[in-house]
Structures are given as C-alpha cells and as structure tokens.
Amino acid sequence: MQKSRILGIMVYDRIKEAGKTQEVLTRHAAIIRTRLGFHELSREVCSRVGTILLVLQGNPQSWDTMEKELREIGGVEVQKMEFGK
C-alpha cells in the first residue's frame, strides 16, 4: 500500500488568512490529489471560520514542507492522518 497523508486545516479567520493559505496551497498544488473546503453559509451568516481537507500524493518530504508553511500562518490549525507504510 502506498503511503498517503490527509491534512485537516482549520482557518479561524478566512477574511484575514485565506490569501496566505491559498498561496501555500497553490505553491504545492502538485502534491494535492484532493481538496475539499467548507464554511457555514446561510442568508444570515457567512462564517469567518473555514475547514479544508487535503489528500496528498507524491513525496512525503514535500508534504512536510507544505505542512510546515501552513503551520506558520497565524490563525491556521493543521491536523494530519497518515496511512500505509
């Protein structure tokens, strides 16, 4: 089984941190196999908090680099799951 990593990213202030987060994701687009984003949206509210799920592919060292860059953004929390050997 090929090793894979899933990152969960919580962006606590999308208005303030979305641009920096997007820059990191764009720079590392080649290792992102799947990206799924959520935020609460209704007629009354558009939440400032957003959640992004990433499934990564390729070189694990590149995963570590991207994760480190994301963790350096204030207002962003990163959690991970790893599968395979």
Protein backbone atom coordinates (compact mmCIF):
# COMPACT_ATOMS: atom_id res chain seq x y z
CA MET A 1 0.00 0.00 0.00
CA GLN A 2 1.30 3.42 -0.94
CA LYS A 3 1.77 5.88 1.92
CA SER A 4 -0.73 8.73 1.99
CA ARG A 5 -1.49 11.70 4.24
CA ILE A 6 -4.70 13.61 4.87
CA LEU A 7 -4.44 17.13 6.26
CA GLY A 8 -7.27 18.90 8.04
CA ILE A 9 -6.82 22.67 8.05
CA MET A 10 -8.94 25.00 10.20
CA VAL A 11 -8.74 28.63 9.11
CA TYR A 12 -10.11 30.67 12.00
CA ASP A 13 -10.41 33.96 10.12
CA ARG A 14 -10.99 33.35 6.41
CA ILE A 15 -11.05 37.06 5.63
CA LYS A 16 -7.63 37.59 7.18
CA GLU A 17 -5.85 34.29 6.45
CA ALA A 18 -7.40 32.92 3.24
CA GLY A 19 -4.93 34.69 0.95
CA LYS A 20 -1.85 33.36 2.74
CA THR A 21 -3.36 29.89 2.93
CA GLN A 22 -4.19 29.92 -0.78
CA GLU A 23 -0.64 30.99 -1.66
CA VAL A 24 0.78 27.94 0.15
CA LEU A 25 -1.76 25.58 -1.43
CA THR A 26 -1.07 26.98 -4.90
CA ARG A 27 2.70 26.68 -4.45
CA HIS A 28 2.26 22.99 -3.52
CA ALA A 29 -0.57 22.15 -5.94
CA ALA A 30 1.38 19.26 -7.49
CA ILE A 31 1.14 17.20 -4.28
CA ILE A 32 -2.57 17.82 -3.64
CA ARG A 33 -4.65 14.96 -5.02
CA THR A 34 -7.96 16.07 -3.48
CA ARG A 35 -9.07 19.34 -1.89
CA LEU A 36 -12.40 19.90 -0.17
CA GLY A 37 -13.37 23.12 1.60
CA PHE A 38 -16.28 24.02 3.89
CA HIS A 39 -17.62 27.07 5.65
CA GLU A 40 -21.01 27.87 7.12
CA LEU A 41 -23.21 29.85 4.77
CA SER A 42 -26.82 30.96 5.21
CA ARG A 43 -28.91 34.03 4.50
CA GLU A 44 -27.90 35.47 7.86
CA VAL A 45 -24.30 34.34 8.17
CA CYS A 46 -21.16 33.69 6.16
CA SER A 47 -18.80 32.22 8.70
CA ARG A 48 -15.27 33.55 9.03
CA VAL A 49 -14.14 30.03 10.02
CA GLY A 50 -13.35 27.57 7.23
CA THR A 51 -12.23 23.95 7.07
CA ILE A 52 -10.12 22.43 4.29
CA LEU A 53 -9.40 18.72 3.81
CA LEU A 54 -6.46 17.70 1.62
CA VAL A 55 -5.40 14.29 0.38
CA LEU A 56 -1.71 14.43 -0.52
CA GLN A 57 0.29 12.45 -3.07
CA GLY A 58 3.94 12.24 -4.08
CA ASN A 59 6.99 12.86 -1.94
CA PRO A 60 6.48 12.82 1.86
CA GLN A 61 9.24 15.44 2.26
CA SER A 62 7.12 17.81 0.16
CA TRP A 63 4.15 17.07 2.43
CA ASP A 64 6.24 18.07 5.44
CA THR A 65 7.34 21.30 3.76
CA MET A 66 3.78 22.32 2.93
CA GLU A 67 2.54 21.40 6.41
CA LYS A 68 5.30 23.50 8.00
CA GLU A 69 4.39 26.51 5.82
CA LEU A 70 0.71 26.18 6.75
CA ARG A 71 1.53 25.95 10.47
CA GLU A 72 3.48 29.23 10.22
CA ILE A 73 0.31 31.12 9.24
CA GLY A 74 -1.30 32.74 12.27
CA GLY A 75 -4.91 31.68 12.74
CA VAL A 76 -4.47 28.33 10.99
CA GLU A 77 -4.51 24.93 12.73
CA VAL A 78 -3.32 21.77 10.98
CA GLN A 79 -4.08 18.16 11.91
CA LYS A 80 -2.96 15.08 9.98
CA MET A 81 -3.67 11.41 9.43
CA GLU A 82 -1.23 9.02 7.78
CA PHE A 83 -1.89 5.68 6.15
CA GLY A 84 0.37 2.99 4.70
CA LYS A 85 3.98 2.15 5.38
